[in-house]
């Protein structure tokens, strides 16, 4: 297999930095450059993998820069925003209901509930610690002591 030129290496590193799988990158290189590369060759250009541990510093820097830029730009993609996804799900659920497709509407409602953090379930989130994450304080109350405390509280009211 011939050595890769800088343009192909740059392409591979940037695709990997954008979380593409090695198999996807192999296909992309074939399509873009008409050049066949192996998955192992592609993996050797990913500094986050064992195979890429000896990657030259310039490629590591390109990878890290591309990955940071990619992560920052995903915030600009509308579908990455939960509110946008919920609005789209709402439109789809309304349309499904209008078409009398209740099964699809129910699935969309469940998906919307998952988007909001599990509101679809009847599970309750309970804190299992005391104030500031400390141990839970328990009061040792005998029936007589409980009555005394109750009387005090009633007198205060």
N, C-alpha and C. Protein backbone atom coordinates (compact mmCIF):
# COMPACT_ATOMS: atom_id res chain seq x y z
N UNK A 1 0.86 -1.18 0.00
CA UNK A 1 0.00 0.00 0.00
C UNK A 1 0.90 1.24 0.00
N UNK A 2 0.69 2.16 -0.94
CA UNK A 2 1.53 3.35 -1.02
C UNK A 2 1.34 4.26 0.19
N UNK A 3 2.38 5.05 0.46
CA UNK A 3 2.31 5.99 1.58
C UNK A 3 1.25 7.04 1.30
N UNK A 4 0.63 7.50 2.36
CA UNK A 4 -0.43 8.50 2.23
C UNK A 4 0.18 9.89 2.13
N UNK A 5 -0.37 10.71 1.24
CA UNK A 5 0.13 12.08 1.17
C UNK A 5 -0.53 12.92 2.27
N UNK A 6 -0.02 14.11 2.47
CA UNK A 6 -0.47 14.97 3.57
C UNK A 6 -1.95 15.31 3.47
N UNK A 7 -2.46 15.47 2.25
CA UNK A 7 -3.87 15.82 2.07
C UNK A 7 -4.77 14.69 2.57
N UNK A 8 -4.42 13.45 2.28
CA UNK A 8 -5.21 12.30 2.71
C UNK A 8 -5.09 12.14 4.23
N UNK A 9 -3.89 12.31 4.76
CA UNK A 9 -3.70 12.20 6.22
C UNK A 9 -4.52 13.26 6.95
N UNK A 10 -4.50 14.48 6.42
CA UNK A 10 -5.29 15.56 7.02
C UNK A 10 -6.76 15.19 7.03
N UNK A 11 -7.24 14.68 5.91
CA UNK A 11 -8.63 14.28 5.80
C UNK A 11 -8.97 13.20 6.83
N UNK A 12 -8.12 12.19 6.95
CA UNK A 12 -8.35 11.09 7.88
C UNK A 12 -8.40 11.61 9.32
N UNK A 13 -7.41 12.41 9.70
CA UNK A 13 -7.35 12.93 11.07
C UNK A 13 -8.58 13.78 11.38
N UNK A 14 -8.99 14.62 10.45
CA UNK A 14 -10.14 15.47 10.69
C UNK A 14 -11.44 14.67 10.78
N UNK A 15 -11.59 13.65 9.95
CA UNK A 15 -12.79 12.81 10.02
C UNK A 15 -12.86 12.08 11.36
N UNK A 16 -11.73 11.56 11.81
CA UNK A 16 -11.70 10.87 13.10
C UNK A 16 -12.00 11.84 14.24
N UNK A 17 -11.49 13.06 14.13
CA UNK A 17 -11.74 14.06 15.17
C UNK A 17 -13.22 14.42 15.25
N UNK A 18 -13.93 14.24 14.14
CA UNK A 18 -15.37 14.51 14.11
C UNK A 18 -16.18 13.27 14.46
N UNK A 19 -15.53 12.31 15.13
CA UNK A 19 -16.16 11.10 15.65
C UNK A 19 -16.65 10.13 14.58
N UNK A 20 -16.13 10.21 13.37
CA UNK A 20 -16.45 9.20 12.36
C UNK A 20 -15.71 7.92 12.72
N UNK A 21 -16.33 6.78 12.43
CA UNK A 21 -15.70 5.50 12.72
C UNK A 21 -14.62 5.22 11.67
N UNK A 22 -13.63 4.39 12.00
CA UNK A 22 -12.61 4.04 11.00
C UNK A 22 -13.21 3.47 9.72
N UNK A 23 -14.24 2.64 9.84
CA UNK A 23 -14.87 2.07 8.64
C UNK A 23 -15.48 3.16 7.77
N UNK A 24 -16.11 4.13 8.39
CA UNK A 24 -16.70 5.25 7.66
C UNK A 24 -15.61 6.06 6.96
N UNK A 25 -14.50 6.26 7.65
CA UNK A 25 -13.39 7.03 7.08
C UNK A 25 -12.77 6.28 5.90
N UNK A 26 -12.65 4.96 6.00
CA UNK A 26 -12.12 4.16 4.89
C UNK A 26 -12.95 4.40 3.64
N UNK A 27 -14.28 4.34 3.79
CA UNK A 27 -15.19 4.57 2.66
C UNK A 27 -15.07 6.00 2.14
N UNK A 28 -14.96 6.97 3.04
CA UNK A 28 -14.86 8.37 2.64
C UNK A 28 -13.58 8.63 1.86
N UNK A 29 -12.47 8.02 2.28
CA UNK A 29 -11.20 8.20 1.57
C UNK A 29 -11.32 7.60 0.17
N UNK A 30 -11.95 6.44 0.07
CA UNK A 30 -12.14 5.78 -1.23
C UNK A 30 -12.97 6.69 -2.15
N UNK A 31 -14.04 7.27 -1.60
CA UNK A 31 -14.92 8.14 -2.39
C UNK A 31 -14.24 9.45 -2.76
N UNK A 32 -13.60 10.07 -1.78
CA UNK A 32 -13.02 11.40 -1.96
C UNK A 32 -11.73 11.40 -2.78
N UNK A 33 -10.87 10.40 -2.54
CA UNK A 33 -9.55 10.40 -3.17
C UNK A 33 -9.32 9.22 -4.10
N UNK A 34 -10.26 8.27 -4.14
CA UNK A 34 -10.08 7.08 -4.98
C UNK A 34 -8.94 6.20 -4.51
N UNK A 35 -8.63 6.29 -3.23
CA UNK A 35 -7.50 5.56 -2.67
C UNK A 35 -8.00 4.58 -1.61
N UNK A 36 -7.53 3.35 -1.67
CA UNK A 36 -7.93 2.34 -0.69
C UNK A 36 -6.97 2.40 0.50
N UNK A 37 -7.54 2.49 1.69
CA UNK A 37 -6.75 2.42 2.92
C UNK A 37 -7.41 1.40 3.84
N UNK A 38 -6.63 0.81 4.71
CA UNK A 38 -7.18 -0.18 5.63
C UNK A 38 -7.71 0.50 6.89
N UNK A 39 -8.57 -0.22 7.61
CA UNK A 39 -9.07 0.31 8.89
C UNK A 39 -7.91 0.54 9.85
N UNK A 40 -6.94 -0.37 9.83
CA UNK A 40 -5.79 -0.25 10.73
C UNK A 40 -4.99 1.02 10.44
N UNK A 41 -4.85 1.35 9.17
CA UNK A 41 -4.14 2.58 8.80
C UNK A 41 -4.90 3.79 9.33
N UNK A 42 -6.20 3.77 9.15
CA UNK A 42 -7.02 4.88 9.65
C UNK A 42 -6.91 4.98 11.16
N UNK A 43 -7.03 3.85 11.87
CA UNK A 43 -6.94 3.85 13.34
C UNK A 43 -5.60 4.38 13.84
N UNK A 44 -4.55 4.19 13.05
CA UNK A 44 -3.23 4.68 13.47
C UNK A 44 -3.14 6.20 13.43
N UNK A 45 -4.17 6.86 12.90
CA UNK A 45 -4.21 8.33 12.85
C UNK A 45 -5.13 8.92 13.92
N UNK A 46 -5.55 8.09 14.87
CA UNK A 46 -6.42 8.55 15.97
C UNK A 46 -5.61 8.53 17.27
N UNK A 47 -5.20 9.70 17.77
CA UNK A 47 -4.37 9.74 18.98
C UNK A 47 -5.09 9.29 20.25
N UNK A 48 -6.41 9.13 20.19
CA UNK A 48 -7.13 8.67 21.37
C UNK A 48 -7.14 7.14 21.46
N UNK A 49 -6.63 6.48 20.44
CA UNK A 49 -6.58 5.01 20.39
C UNK A 49 -5.15 4.53 20.59
N UNK A 50 -5.02 3.30 21.03
CA UNK A 50 -3.70 2.71 21.26
C UNK A 50 -2.88 2.71 19.96
N UNK A 51 -3.54 2.42 18.84
CA UNK A 51 -2.85 2.36 17.55
C UNK A 51 -2.26 3.72 17.16
N UNK A 52 -2.82 4.81 17.67
CA UNK A 52 -2.34 6.14 17.31
C UNK A 52 -1.43 6.78 18.33
N UNK A 53 -0.92 5.98 19.25
CA UNK A 53 -0.10 6.54 20.34
C UNK A 53 1.21 7.16 19.85
N UNK A 54 1.70 6.75 18.67
CA UNK A 54 2.97 7.28 18.16
C UNK A 54 2.76 8.28 17.02
N UNK A 55 1.55 8.80 16.91
CA UNK A 55 1.23 9.75 15.85
C UNK A 55 2.05 11.02 16.04
N UNK A 56 2.53 11.58 14.96
CA UNK A 56 3.35 12.80 15.01
C UNK A 56 2.57 13.94 15.67
N UNK A 57 3.30 14.80 16.36
CA UNK A 57 2.69 15.88 17.13
C UNK A 57 1.82 16.79 16.29
N UNK A 58 2.21 17.08 15.05
CA UNK A 58 1.41 17.97 14.20
C UNK A 58 0.04 17.38 13.93
N UNK A 59 -0.05 16.04 13.80
CA UNK A 59 -1.35 15.40 13.56
C UNK A 59 -2.18 15.35 14.85
N UNK A 60 -1.51 15.18 15.97
CA UNK A 60 -2.21 15.20 17.26
C UNK A 60 -2.82 16.58 17.48
N UNK A 61 -2.05 17.62 17.19
CA UNK A 61 -2.55 18.99 17.35
C UNK A 61 -3.72 19.26 16.40
N UNK A 62 -3.61 18.79 15.15
CA UNK A 62 -4.71 18.96 14.20
C UNK A 62 -5.96 18.23 14.70
N UNK A 63 -5.77 17.02 15.21
CA UNK A 63 -6.89 16.24 15.75
C UNK A 63 -7.56 17.00 16.89
N UNK A 64 -6.78 17.45 17.86
CA UNK A 64 -7.34 18.15 19.03
C UNK A 64 -8.03 19.45 18.65
N UNK A 65 -7.44 20.21 17.76
CA UNK A 65 -8.04 21.47 17.31
C UNK A 65 -9.36 21.20 16.58
N UNK A 66 -9.35 20.21 15.70
CA UNK A 66 -10.56 19.87 14.95
C UNK A 66 -11.65 19.37 15.88
N UNK A 67 -11.29 18.54 16.85
CA UNK A 67 -12.29 18.00 17.77
C UNK A 67 -12.91 19.11 18.60
N UNK A 68 -12.11 20.04 19.11
CA UNK A 68 -12.65 21.16 19.90
C UNK A 68 -13.59 22.02 19.06
N UNK A 69 -13.17 22.31 17.83
CA UNK A 69 -14.01 23.11 16.94
C UNK A 69 -15.31 22.37 16.63
N UNK A 70 -15.22 21.08 16.40
CA UNK A 70 -16.41 20.28 16.11
C UNK A 70 -17.37 20.29 17.29
N UNK A 71 -16.85 20.12 18.49
CA UNK A 71 -17.71 20.13 19.68
C UNK A 71 -18.38 21.48 19.85
N UNK A 72 -17.65 22.55 19.62
CA UNK A 72 -18.20 23.90 19.77
C UNK A 72 -19.28 24.17 18.72
N UNK A 73 -19.05 23.69 17.51
CA UNK A 73 -20.00 23.96 16.43
C UNK A 73 -21.27 23.14 16.54
N UNK A 74 -21.22 22.01 17.24
CA UNK A 74 -22.45 21.21 17.37
C UNK A 74 -23.49 21.98 18.18
N UNK A 75 -23.05 22.92 19.00
CA UNK A 75 -24.00 23.73 19.75
C UNK A 75 -24.80 24.63 18.82
N UNK A 76 -24.25 24.91 17.63
CA UNK A 76 -24.94 25.76 16.66
C UNK A 76 -25.92 24.98 15.78
N UNK A 77 -25.92 23.65 15.89
CA UNK A 77 -26.82 22.83 15.09
C UNK A 77 -28.16 22.79 15.80
N UNK A 78 -29.22 23.26 15.16
CA UNK A 78 -30.51 23.35 15.85
C UNK A 78 -30.97 22.05 16.50
N UNK A 79 -30.84 20.93 15.82
CA UNK A 79 -31.37 19.68 16.37
C UNK A 79 -30.61 19.25 17.62
N UNK A 80 -29.44 19.83 17.85
CA UNK A 80 -28.68 19.51 19.05
C UNK A 80 -29.28 20.19 20.28
N UNK A 81 -30.22 21.11 20.06
CA UNK A 81 -30.87 21.83 21.15
C UNK A 81 -32.14 21.09 21.57
N UNK A 82 -32.28 20.80 22.84
CA UNK A 82 -33.42 20.03 23.35
C UNK A 82 -34.75 20.71 23.04
N UNK A 83 -34.83 22.03 23.15
CA UNK A 83 -36.08 22.73 22.89
C UNK A 83 -36.52 22.54 21.43
N UNK A 84 -35.57 22.55 20.52
CA UNK A 84 -35.89 22.35 19.10
C UNK A 84 -36.43 20.93 18.89
N UNK A 85 -35.78 19.96 19.52
CA UNK A 85 -36.23 18.57 19.39
C UNK A 85 -37.64 18.39 19.96
N UNK A 86 -37.91 19.02 21.10
CA UNK A 86 -39.23 18.89 21.72
C UNK A 86 -40.31 19.53 20.85
N UNK A 87 -40.01 20.67 20.26
CA UNK A 87 -40.99 21.31 19.38
C UNK A 87 -41.29 20.43 18.17
N UNK A 88 -40.24 19.83 17.60
CA UNK A 88 -40.44 18.95 16.45
C UNK A 88 -41.26 17.73 16.85
N UNK A 89 -40.96 17.15 18.01
CA UNK A 89 -41.73 16.00 18.49
C UNK A 89 -43.19 16.38 18.73
N UNK A 90 -43.41 17.58 19.24
CA UNK A 90 -44.78 18.06 19.47
C UNK A 90 -45.54 18.16 18.14
N UNK A 91 -44.90 18.73 17.12
CA UNK A 91 -45.55 18.83 15.82
C UNK A 91 -45.86 17.44 15.26
N UNK A 92 -44.91 16.53 15.39
CA UNK A 92 -45.13 15.17 14.88
C UNK A 92 -46.25 14.46 15.63
N UNK A 93 -46.28 14.62 16.95
CA UNK A 93 -47.33 13.96 17.75
C UNK A 93 -48.70 14.52 17.38
N UNK A 94 -48.80 15.82 17.20
CA UNK A 94 -50.08 16.42 16.80
C UNK A 94 -50.53 15.89 15.44
N UNK A 95 -49.59 15.78 14.52
CA UNK A 95 -49.91 15.27 13.19
C UNK A 95 -50.33 13.80 13.26
N UNK A 96 -49.62 13.01 14.07
CA UNK A 96 -49.95 11.59 14.22
C UNK A 96 -51.35 11.43 14.82
N UNK A 97 -51.67 12.26 15.80
CA UNK A 97 -53.02 12.21 16.39
C UNK A 97 -54.07 12.59 15.37
N UNK A 98 -53.79 13.60 14.58
CA UNK A 98 -54.72 14.03 13.54
C UNK A 98 -54.97 12.94 12.51
N UNK A 99 -53.96 12.09 12.29
CA UNK A 99 -54.09 10.98 11.35
C UNK A 99 -54.66 9.74 12.03
N UNK A 100 -55.03 9.87 13.29
CA UNK A 100 -55.57 8.77 14.10
C UNK A 100 -54.56 7.63 14.28
N UNK A 101 -53.28 7.97 14.24
CA UNK A 101 -52.22 6.98 14.46
C UNK A 101 -51.78 7.10 15.92
N UNK A 102 -52.57 6.51 16.80
CA UNK A 102 -52.33 6.67 18.23
C UNK A 102 -51.06 5.96 18.70
N UNK A 103 -50.70 4.86 18.04
CA UNK A 103 -49.47 4.15 18.43
C UNK A 103 -48.26 5.05 18.19
N UNK A 104 -48.21 5.69 17.03
CA UNK A 104 -47.10 6.60 16.74
C UNK A 104 -47.12 7.80 17.67
N UNK A 105 -48.30 8.33 17.93
CA UNK A 105 -48.42 9.48 18.85
C UNK A 105 -47.89 9.11 20.23
N UNK A 106 -48.24 7.91 20.70
CA UNK A 106 -47.75 7.46 22.01
C UNK A 106 -46.23 7.33 22.02
N UNK A 107 -45.66 6.81 20.94
CA UNK A 107 -44.20 6.70 20.86
C UNK A 107 -43.54 8.08 20.88
N UNK A 108 -44.13 9.01 20.18
CA UNK A 108 -43.56 10.37 20.15
C UNK A 108 -43.67 11.05 21.51
N UNK A 109 -44.78 10.80 22.20
CA UNK A 109 -44.94 11.36 23.55
C UNK A 109 -43.91 10.77 24.49
N UNK A 110 -43.69 9.47 24.36
CA UNK A 110 -42.67 8.81 25.20
C UNK A 110 -41.28 9.37 24.89
N UNK A 111 -40.98 9.58 23.61
CA UNK A 111 -39.69 10.16 23.23
C UNK A 111 -39.53 11.56 23.81
N UNK A 112 -40.59 12.35 23.77
CA UNK A 112 -40.53 13.70 24.34
C UNK A 112 -40.28 13.63 25.84
N UNK A 113 -40.90 12.66 26.50
CA UNK A 113 -40.69 12.51 27.94
C UNK A 113 -39.24 12.14 28.24
N UNK A 114 -38.67 11.30 27.41
CA UNK A 114 -37.25 10.92 27.59
C UNK A 114 -36.35 12.14 27.40
N UNK A 115 -36.71 12.99 26.45
CA UNK A 115 -35.93 14.21 26.20
C UNK A 115 -35.92 15.12 27.43
N UNK A 116 -37.01 15.10 28.18
CA UNK A 116 -37.09 15.99 29.34
C UNK A 116 -36.54 15.34 30.61
N UNK A 117 -35.99 14.15 30.48
CA UNK A 117 -35.32 13.55 31.63
C UNK A 117 -36.11 12.51 32.38
N UNK A 118 -36.85 11.67 31.69
CA UNK A 118 -37.52 10.56 32.34
C UNK A 118 -38.85 10.90 32.97
N UNK A 119 -39.50 11.98 32.53
CA UNK A 119 -40.78 12.36 33.11
C UNK A 119 -41.88 11.37 32.77
N UNK A 120 -41.62 10.47 31.82
CA UNK A 120 -42.61 9.49 31.40
C UNK A 120 -42.77 8.39 32.43
N UNK A 121 -41.76 8.18 33.25
CA UNK A 121 -41.80 7.11 34.24
C UNK A 121 -42.44 7.61 35.52
N UNK A 122 -42.80 6.67 36.39
CA UNK A 122 -43.36 7.06 37.68
C UNK A 122 -42.30 6.97 38.79
N UNK A 123 -41.04 6.88 38.37
CA UNK A 123 -39.96 6.85 39.34
C UNK A 123 -39.77 8.22 39.97
N UNK A 124 -39.47 8.22 41.25
CA UNK A 124 -39.20 9.47 41.94
C UNK A 124 -37.72 9.55 42.24
N UNK A 125 -37.17 10.73 42.11
CA UNK A 125 -35.78 10.91 42.47
C UNK A 125 -35.73 11.33 43.92
N UNK A 126 -35.05 10.52 44.72
CA UNK A 126 -34.97 10.77 46.15
C UNK A 126 -33.51 10.94 46.53
N UNK A 127 -33.26 11.96 47.32
CA UNK A 127 -31.90 12.19 47.78
C UNK A 127 -31.61 11.23 48.92
N UNK A 128 -30.50 10.53 48.81
CA UNK A 128 -30.14 9.54 49.81
C UNK A 128 -29.00 10.03 50.70
N UNK A 129 -29.03 11.29 51.01
CA UNK A 129 -28.01 11.84 51.91
C UNK A 129 -28.64 13.00 52.68
N UNK A 130 -27.96 13.39 53.72
CA UNK A 130 -28.43 14.49 54.53
C UNK A 130 -28.01 15.82 53.94
N UNK A 131 -28.14 16.89 54.73
CA UNK A 131 -27.75 18.21 54.25
C UNK A 131 -26.29 18.25 53.80
N UNK A 132 -26.03 18.92 52.69
CA UNK A 132 -24.69 19.07 52.13
C UNK A 132 -24.01 17.73 51.87
N UNK A 133 -24.79 16.71 51.55
CA UNK A 133 -24.23 15.41 51.23
C UNK A 133 -23.79 14.60 52.42
N UNK A 134 -24.06 15.08 53.62
CA UNK A 134 -23.65 14.37 54.83
C UNK A 134 -24.59 13.22 55.15
N UNK A 135 -24.37 12.58 56.28
CA UNK A 135 -25.22 11.45 56.65
C UNK A 135 -26.63 11.93 57.02
N UNK A 136 -27.59 11.05 56.84
CA UNK A 136 -28.97 11.36 57.19
C UNK A 136 -29.09 11.33 58.71
N UNK A 137 -29.67 12.39 59.27
CA UNK A 137 -29.87 12.48 60.71
C UNK A 137 -31.19 11.81 61.07
N UNK A 138 -31.15 10.94 62.04
CA UNK A 138 -32.41 10.32 62.47
C UNK A 138 -32.65 10.70 63.93
N UNK A 139 -33.90 10.98 64.21
CA UNK A 139 -34.26 11.37 65.57
C UNK A 139 -34.72 10.11 66.33
N UNK A 140 -34.24 9.96 67.55
CA UNK A 140 -34.63 8.82 68.37
C UNK A 140 -35.84 9.27 69.18
N UNK A 141 -37.04 8.88 68.72
CA UNK A 141 -38.28 9.34 69.35
C UNK A 141 -39.04 8.16 69.94
N UNK A 142 -39.20 8.19 71.22
CA UNK A 142 -40.09 7.23 71.86
C UNK A 142 -41.49 7.80 71.79
N UNK A 143 -42.54 6.99 71.97
CA UNK A 143 -43.90 7.54 71.90
C UNK A 143 -44.11 8.70 72.87
N UNK A 144 -43.58 8.60 74.08
CA UNK A 144 -43.75 9.68 75.06
C UNK A 144 -43.06 10.96 74.62
N UNK A 145 -41.84 10.82 74.10
CA UNK A 145 -41.08 11.98 73.64
C UNK A 145 -41.77 12.62 72.44
N UNK A 146 -42.36 11.79 71.56
CA UNK A 146 -43.07 12.30 70.41
C UNK A 146 -44.26 13.16 70.84
N UNK A 147 -45.01 12.68 71.85
CA UNK A 147 -46.17 13.44 72.34
C UNK A 147 -45.72 14.79 72.89
N UNK A 148 -44.61 14.79 73.66
CA UNK A 148 -44.11 16.05 74.23
C UNK A 148 -43.75 17.04 73.13
N UNK A 149 -43.05 16.56 72.09
CA UNK A 149 -42.66 17.44 70.98
C UNK A 149 -43.91 17.96 70.25
N UNK A 150 -44.89 17.08 70.04
CA UNK A 150 -46.12 17.49 69.38
C UNK A 150 -46.84 18.56 70.18
N UNK A 151 -46.90 18.43 71.53
CA UNK A 151 -47.56 19.43 72.37
C UNK A 151 -46.85 20.78 72.26
N UNK A 152 -45.51 20.75 72.26
CA UNK A 152 -44.73 21.99 72.13
C UNK A 152 -45.07 22.69 70.81
N UNK A 153 -45.10 21.92 69.76
CA UNK A 153 -45.39 22.50 68.45
C UNK A 153 -46.79 23.09 68.40
N UNK A 154 -47.76 22.40 69.00
CA UNK A 154 -49.13 22.90 69.01
C UNK A 154 -49.27 24.17 69.84
N UNK A 155 -48.52 24.25 70.92
CA UNK A 155 -48.57 25.46 71.77
C UNK A 155 -47.99 26.65 71.04
N UNK A 156 -46.99 26.42 70.18
CA UNK A 156 -46.36 27.52 69.44
C UNK A 156 -47.29 28.09 68.37
N UNK A 157 -48.22 27.27 67.92
CA UNK A 157 -49.11 27.70 66.83
C UNK A 157 -50.26 28.41 67.37
